Amino acid sequence: MEKNLDLSYAAEYDLYFDKNKTLDVLVSCTYFSGCTEYSYDFTVWSAATITIKNDAGITVQTFSTSDGSIELQVGGVFRLLKTAAQMNVVRSGCYNYDMYLSSATFPKRAFLTGKVIYNEDYS
């Protein structure tokens, strides 16, 4: 298995999550070619993984198509799903993440990278 992740192909975006709340969000992914905007095509990918790590490099949470916490959908959309209990496992704070896509042809292709902020929910 390829252990290197080339982030030169990844877009950088920060994510904000609330703790203690069920996460069920659709994320639309588009890109520009010239002056035309296109939806990203996830149909060539069979899997996706988001790995969230603390500053020491220890994984604190994972989203994956293998456990159903990521769903790759048509029209350039992916869905993130976690229960409130699963979202409460991670302490409030700022972490680093990367998301990669994979298929039989491309075992690990960088897609997104950035920071994840887990906000404490007091409601």
N, C-alpha and C. Protein backbone atom coordinates (compact mmCIF):
# COMPACT_ATOMS: atom_id res chain seq x y z
N MET A 1 0.85 -1.18 0.00
CA MET A 1 0.00 0.00 0.00
C MET A 1 0.89 1.23 0.00
N GLU A 2 0.56 2.19 -0.84
CA GLU A 2 1.28 3.45 -0.92
C GLU A 2 1.14 4.21 0.40
N LYS A 3 2.26 4.62 1.01
CA LYS A 3 2.22 5.32 2.29
C LYS A 3 2.42 6.82 2.14
N ASN A 4 2.78 7.28 0.96
CA ASN A 4 2.98 8.71 0.74
C ASN A 4 1.72 9.32 0.16
N LEU A 5 1.40 10.52 0.62
CA LEU A 5 0.24 11.24 0.11
C LEU A 5 0.73 12.57 -0.44
N ASP A 6 0.69 12.71 -1.74
CA ASP A 6 1.14 13.93 -2.40
C ASP A 6 0.02 14.96 -2.32
N LEU A 7 0.17 15.95 -1.45
CA LEU A 7 -0.86 16.96 -1.26
C LEU A 7 -0.80 18.08 -2.29
N SER A 8 0.11 17.99 -3.25
CA SER A 8 0.17 19.03 -4.26
C SER A 8 -1.07 19.04 -5.14
N TYR A 9 -1.83 17.97 -5.14
CA TYR A 9 -3.07 17.90 -5.92
C TYR A 9 -4.30 18.25 -5.07
N ALA A 10 -4.11 18.46 -3.79
CA ALA A 10 -5.24 18.67 -2.88
C ALA A 10 -5.59 20.15 -2.78
N ALA A 11 -6.87 20.41 -2.58
CA ALA A 11 -7.33 21.76 -2.27
C ALA A 11 -7.31 21.92 -0.75
N GLU A 12 -7.05 23.14 -0.29
CA GLU A 12 -6.97 23.36 1.15
C GLU A 12 -8.20 24.12 1.64
N TYR A 13 -8.94 23.50 2.55
CA TYR A 13 -10.13 24.11 3.15
C TYR A 13 -10.18 23.73 4.63
N ASP A 14 -10.60 24.66 5.45
CA ASP A 14 -10.79 24.37 6.87
C ASP A 14 -12.23 23.95 7.11
N LEU A 15 -12.42 23.01 8.04
CA LEU A 15 -13.74 22.48 8.38
C LEU A 15 -14.06 22.84 9.82
N TYR A 16 -15.32 23.08 10.10
CA TYR A 16 -15.79 23.39 11.44
C TYR A 16 -16.90 22.42 11.80
N PHE A 17 -16.72 21.69 12.91
CA PHE A 17 -17.69 20.71 13.38
C PHE A 17 -18.16 21.10 14.78
N ASP A 18 -19.41 20.80 15.09
CA ASP A 18 -19.91 20.93 16.45
C ASP A 18 -19.86 19.58 17.13
N LYS A 19 -19.37 19.58 18.38
CA LYS A 19 -19.39 18.36 19.17
C LYS A 19 -20.82 18.11 19.66
N ASN A 20 -21.10 16.91 20.10
CA ASN A 20 -22.37 16.54 20.72
C ASN A 20 -23.57 16.67 19.79
N LYS A 21 -23.35 16.85 18.50
CA LYS A 21 -24.44 16.93 17.54
C LYS A 21 -24.20 15.93 16.42
N THR A 22 -25.27 15.34 15.94
CA THR A 22 -25.16 14.45 14.80
C THR A 22 -24.67 15.24 13.59
N LEU A 23 -23.70 14.68 12.89
CA LEU A 23 -23.17 15.30 11.68
C LEU A 23 -23.77 14.57 10.49
N ASP A 24 -24.47 15.29 9.66
CA ASP A 24 -25.03 14.76 8.41
C ASP A 24 -25.04 15.92 7.43
N VAL A 25 -23.97 16.02 6.66
CA VAL A 25 -23.79 17.19 5.79
C VAL A 25 -23.40 16.74 4.38
N LEU A 26 -23.94 17.45 3.40
CA LEU A 26 -23.57 17.24 2.01
C LEU A 26 -22.57 18.32 1.61
N VAL A 27 -21.47 17.91 0.98
CA VAL A 27 -20.44 18.83 0.53
C VAL A 27 -20.38 18.77 -0.99
N SER A 28 -20.63 19.92 -1.64
CA SER A 28 -20.58 20.00 -3.10
C SER A 28 -19.18 20.41 -3.54
N CYS A 29 -18.63 19.67 -4.48
CA CYS A 29 -17.27 19.92 -4.95
C CYS A 29 -17.30 20.30 -6.43
N THR A 30 -16.77 21.47 -6.72
CA THR A 30 -16.70 21.93 -8.10
C THR A 30 -15.29 22.42 -8.39
N TYR A 31 -15.00 22.57 -9.66
CA TYR A 31 -13.72 23.13 -10.08
C TYR A 31 -13.94 23.93 -11.35
N PHE A 32 -13.00 24.83 -11.63
CA PHE A 32 -13.07 25.63 -12.85
C PHE A 32 -12.07 25.11 -13.85
N SER A 33 -12.48 25.04 -15.09
CA SER A 33 -11.59 24.80 -16.21
C SER A 33 -11.83 25.97 -17.16
N GLY A 34 -10.85 26.85 -17.25
CA GLY A 34 -11.07 28.11 -17.96
C GLY A 34 -12.06 28.93 -17.16
N CYS A 35 -13.13 29.35 -17.78
CA CYS A 35 -14.17 30.13 -17.09
C CYS A 35 -15.42 29.32 -16.81
N THR A 36 -15.34 28.01 -17.00
CA THR A 36 -16.51 27.15 -16.81
C THR A 36 -16.36 26.34 -15.54
N GLU A 37 -17.43 26.32 -14.73
CA GLU A 37 -17.44 25.56 -13.49
C GLU A 37 -18.05 24.18 -13.74
N TYR A 38 -17.39 23.14 -13.21
CA TYR A 38 -17.84 21.76 -13.37
C TYR A 38 -17.97 21.10 -12.00
N SER A 39 -18.91 20.16 -11.90
CA SER A 39 -18.99 19.32 -10.70
C SER A 39 -17.90 18.28 -10.76
N TYR A 40 -17.27 18.01 -9.62
CA TYR A 40 -16.24 16.98 -9.56
C TYR A 40 -16.89 15.62 -9.82
N ASP A 41 -16.20 14.74 -10.53
CA ASP A 41 -16.74 13.42 -10.87
C ASP A 41 -16.17 12.37 -9.92
N PHE A 42 -16.98 11.93 -8.95
CA PHE A 42 -16.56 10.90 -8.02
C PHE A 42 -16.77 9.48 -8.56
N THR A 43 -17.37 9.33 -9.72
CA THR A 43 -17.70 7.99 -10.21
C THR A 43 -16.47 7.14 -10.52
N VAL A 44 -15.32 7.77 -10.75
CA VAL A 44 -14.10 6.99 -11.03
C VAL A 44 -13.42 6.51 -9.75
N TRP A 45 -13.93 6.92 -8.58
CA TRP A 45 -13.33 6.56 -7.31
C TRP A 45 -14.22 5.58 -6.56
N SER A 46 -13.62 4.59 -5.95
CA SER A 46 -14.39 3.58 -5.22
C SER A 46 -14.39 3.82 -3.72
N ALA A 47 -13.48 4.67 -3.24
CA ALA A 47 -13.37 4.87 -1.79
C ALA A 47 -12.82 6.25 -1.47
N ALA A 48 -13.10 6.69 -0.24
CA ALA A 48 -12.57 7.96 0.27
C ALA A 48 -12.31 7.81 1.75
N THR A 49 -11.30 8.54 2.23
CA THR A 49 -10.95 8.51 3.66
C THR A 49 -10.53 9.91 4.09
N ILE A 50 -11.04 10.33 5.24
CA ILE A 50 -10.56 11.55 5.90
C ILE A 50 -9.91 11.12 7.21
N THR A 51 -8.67 11.52 7.40
CA THR A 51 -7.94 11.22 8.63
C THR A 51 -7.68 12.53 9.36
N ILE A 52 -8.12 12.60 10.61
CA ILE A 52 -7.94 13.79 11.44
C ILE A 52 -6.93 13.45 12.52
N LYS A 53 -5.87 14.29 12.61
CA LYS A 53 -4.77 14.02 13.54
C LYS A 53 -4.50 15.22 14.42
N ASN A 54 -3.98 14.93 15.61
CA ASN A 54 -3.54 16.01 16.50
C ASN A 54 -2.13 16.44 16.12
N ASP A 55 -1.59 17.40 16.85
CA ASP A 55 -0.25 17.92 16.53
C ASP A 55 0.86 16.89 16.68
N ALA A 56 0.62 15.85 17.46
CA ALA A 56 1.60 14.78 17.63
C ALA A 56 1.51 13.74 16.51
N GLY A 57 0.55 13.91 15.58
CA GLY A 57 0.39 12.98 14.48
C GLY A 57 -0.46 11.77 14.81
N ILE A 58 -1.14 11.80 15.94
CA ILE A 58 -2.00 10.68 16.35
C ILE A 58 -3.40 10.89 15.79
N THR A 59 -3.95 9.87 15.15
CA THR A 59 -5.29 9.94 14.58
C THR A 59 -6.32 10.03 15.69
N VAL A 60 -7.17 11.07 15.62
CA VAL A 60 -8.23 11.26 16.62
C VAL A 60 -9.61 10.90 16.08
N GLN A 61 -9.77 10.93 14.75
CA GLN A 61 -11.03 10.52 14.14
C GLN A 61 -10.81 10.23 12.66
N THR A 62 -11.61 9.29 12.15
CA THR A 62 -11.54 8.91 10.75
C THR A 62 -12.94 8.87 10.16
N PHE A 63 -13.06 9.34 8.95
CA PHE A 63 -14.27 9.17 8.15
C PHE A 63 -13.87 8.29 6.97
N SER A 64 -14.73 7.35 6.58
CA SER A 64 -14.35 6.44 5.51
C SER A 64 -15.59 5.88 4.81
N THR A 65 -15.43 5.62 3.52
CA THR A 65 -16.50 4.93 2.80
C THR A 65 -16.65 3.51 3.30
N SER A 66 -15.59 2.93 3.86
CA SER A 66 -15.68 1.53 4.33
C SER A 66 -16.57 1.38 5.55
N ASP A 67 -16.71 2.43 6.39
CA ASP A 67 -17.62 2.34 7.54
C ASP A 67 -18.90 3.14 7.34
N GLY A 68 -19.07 3.75 6.16
CA GLY A 68 -20.29 4.48 5.85
C GLY A 68 -20.31 5.91 6.35
N SER A 69 -19.21 6.40 6.93
CA SER A 69 -19.21 7.78 7.41
C SER A 69 -18.89 8.79 6.31
N ILE A 70 -18.48 8.29 5.13
CA ILE A 70 -18.41 9.10 3.90
C ILE A 70 -19.19 8.35 2.83
N GLU A 71 -20.00 9.07 2.09
CA GLU A 71 -20.68 8.53 0.92
C GLU A 71 -20.31 9.40 -0.28
N LEU A 72 -19.75 8.79 -1.31
CA LEU A 72 -19.47 9.50 -2.55
C LEU A 72 -20.73 9.44 -3.39
N GLN A 73 -21.23 10.60 -3.80
CA GLN A 73 -22.49 10.67 -4.52
C GLN A 73 -22.28 11.28 -5.89
N VAL A 74 -23.32 11.27 -6.71
CA VAL A 74 -23.24 11.85 -8.05
C VAL A 74 -23.31 13.37 -7.96
N GLY A 75 -22.93 14.03 -9.02
CA GLY A 75 -23.03 15.48 -9.08
C GLY A 75 -21.98 16.20 -8.26
N GLY A 76 -20.85 15.55 -7.98
CA GLY A 76 -19.78 16.21 -7.25
C GLY A 76 -20.06 16.39 -5.78
N VAL A 77 -20.86 15.52 -5.19
CA VAL A 77 -21.25 15.65 -3.79
C VAL A 77 -20.73 14.47 -2.99
N PHE A 78 -20.19 14.78 -1.78
CA PHE A 78 -19.95 13.70 -0.83
C PHE A 78 -20.66 14.06 0.47
N ARG A 79 -21.02 13.02 1.20
CA ARG A 79 -21.79 13.18 2.44
C ARG A 79 -20.95 12.69 3.61
N LEU A 80 -20.92 13.47 4.70
CA LEU A 80 -20.25 13.08 5.93
C LEU A 80 -21.31 12.75 6.98
N LEU A 81 -21.14 11.60 7.64
CA LEU A 81 -22.11 11.13 8.63
C LEU A 81 -21.40 10.64 9.89
N LYS A 82 -21.80 11.16 11.03
CA LYS A 82 -21.34 10.66 12.34
C LYS A 82 -22.46 10.93 13.34
N THR A 83 -22.61 10.04 14.31
CA THR A 83 -23.59 10.25 15.37
C THR A 83 -23.07 11.29 16.36
N ALA A 84 -23.95 11.80 17.19
CA ALA A 84 -23.53 12.75 18.22
C ALA A 84 -22.50 12.12 19.15
N ALA A 85 -22.69 10.86 19.49
CA ALA A 85 -21.73 10.16 20.35
C ALA A 85 -20.36 10.05 19.68
N GLN A 86 -20.33 9.77 18.38
CA GLN A 86 -19.06 9.70 17.65
C GLN A 86 -18.38 11.06 17.57
N MET A 87 -19.18 12.12 17.41
CA MET A 87 -18.61 13.47 17.34
C MET A 87 -18.10 13.93 18.70
N ASN A 88 -18.62 13.36 19.76
CA ASN A 88 -18.22 13.76 21.11
C ASN A 88 -16.92 13.11 21.56
N VAL A 89 -16.40 12.16 20.80
CA VAL A 89 -15.17 11.45 21.17
C VAL A 89 -13.95 12.38 21.11
N VAL A 90 -13.95 13.31 20.18
CA VAL A 90 -12.81 14.20 19.99
C VAL A 90 -12.97 15.43 20.88
N ARG A 91 -11.90 15.81 21.53
CA ARG A 91 -11.92 17.01 22.39
C ARG A 91 -12.05 18.26 21.52
N SER A 92 -12.66 19.28 22.06
CA SER A 92 -12.73 20.57 21.36
C SER A 92 -11.32 21.05 21.05
N GLY A 93 -11.14 21.64 19.88
CA GLY A 93 -9.83 22.15 19.52
C GLY A 93 -9.61 22.14 18.02
N CYS A 94 -8.37 22.38 17.65
CA CYS A 94 -7.97 22.47 16.25
C CYS A 94 -7.05 21.30 15.89
N TYR A 95 -7.36 20.64 14.79
CA TYR A 95 -6.61 19.47 14.33
C TYR A 95 -6.31 19.62 12.84
N ASN A 96 -5.45 18.76 12.32
CA ASN A 96 -5.14 18.71 10.90
C ASN A 96 -5.86 17.53 10.27
N TYR A 97 -6.25 17.68 9.01
CA TYR A 97 -6.88 16.56 8.32
C TYR A 97 -6.36 16.48 6.89
N ASP A 98 -6.51 15.30 6.31
CA ASP A 98 -6.38 15.15 4.87
C ASP A 98 -7.42 14.15 4.40
N MET A 99 -7.88 14.37 3.20
CA MET A 99 -8.85 13.48 2.57
C MET A 99 -8.24 12.96 1.29
N TYR A 100 -8.32 11.65 1.11
CA TYR A 100 -7.85 11.10 -0.14
C TYR A 100 -8.90 10.18 -0.74
N LEU A 101 -8.83 10.05 -2.05
CA LEU A 101 -9.71 9.18 -2.81
C LEU A 101 -8.88 8.00 -3.28
N SER A 102 -9.54 6.87 -3.52
CA SER A 102 -8.80 5.72 -4.03
C SER A 102 -9.67 4.90 -4.97
N SER A 103 -8.98 4.15 -5.81
CA SER A 103 -9.61 3.21 -6.74
C SER A 103 -8.58 2.13 -7.05
N ALA A 104 -8.97 1.15 -7.84
CA ALA A 104 -8.03 0.09 -8.21
C ALA A 104 -6.86 0.67 -9.02
N THR A 105 -7.12 1.69 -9.82
CA THR A 105 -6.08 2.31 -10.65
C THR A 105 -5.20 3.27 -9.86
N PHE A 106 -5.83 4.06 -8.99
CA PHE A 106 -5.12 5.07 -8.20
C PHE A 106 -5.35 4.78 -6.73
N PRO A 107 -4.38 4.14 -6.05
CA PRO A 107 -4.59 3.71 -4.67
C PRO A 107 -4.69 4.85 -3.65
N LYS A 108 -4.15 6.03 -3.95
CA LYS A 108 -4.20 7.11 -2.97
C LYS A 108 -3.99 8.44 -3.68
N ARG A 109 -5.07 9.17 -3.93
CA ARG A 109 -5.01 10.46 -4.60
C ARG A 109 -5.50 11.54 -3.64
N ALA A 110 -4.65 12.52 -3.34
CA ALA A 110 -5.01 13.60 -2.43
C ALA A 110 -6.20 14.37 -2.98
N PHE A 111 -7.10 14.79 -2.08
CA PHE A 111 -8.26 15.55 -2.52
C PHE A 111 -8.42 16.84 -1.71
N LEU A 112 -8.47 16.75 -0.39
CA LEU A 112 -8.61 17.92 0.47
C LEU A 112 -7.61 17.84 1.63
N THR A 113 -7.25 18.99 2.14
CA THR A 113 -6.40 19.07 3.32
C THR A 113 -6.72 20.37 4.05
N GLY A 114 -6.38 20.44 5.31
CA GLY A 114 -6.61 21.67 6.06
C GLY A 114 -6.72 21.43 7.54
N LYS A 115 -7.40 22.34 8.21
CA LYS A 115 -7.63 22.27 9.65
C LYS A 115 -9.07 21.86 9.90
N VAL A 116 -9.29 21.19 11.03
CA VAL A 116 -10.63 20.89 11.52
C VAL A 116 -10.75 21.51 12.90
N ILE A 117 -11.76 22.32 13.08
CA ILE A 117 -12.03 22.91 14.39
C ILE A 117 -13.27 22.22 14.96
N TYR A 118 -13.12 21.59 16.12
CA TYR A 118 -14.25 20.98 16.84
C TYR A 118 -14.72 22.00 17.88
N ASN A 119 -15.92 22.51 17.70
CA ASN A 119 -16.50 23.49 18.62
C ASN A 119 -17.33 22.80 19.67
N GLU A 120 -17.18 23.22 20.91
CA GLU A 120 -18.02 22.71 21.99
C GLU A 120 -19.43 23.25 21.79
N ASP A 121 -20.42 22.38 21.91
CA ASP A 121 -21.81 22.77 21.74
C ASP A 121 -22.47 22.85 23.10
N TYR A 122 -22.95 24.01 23.45
CA TYR A 122 -23.57 24.21 24.77
C TYR A 122 -25.08 24.27 24.70
N SER A 123 -25.66 23.99 23.56
CA SER A 123 -27.12 24.09 23.45
C SER A 123 -27.80 22.83 23.95
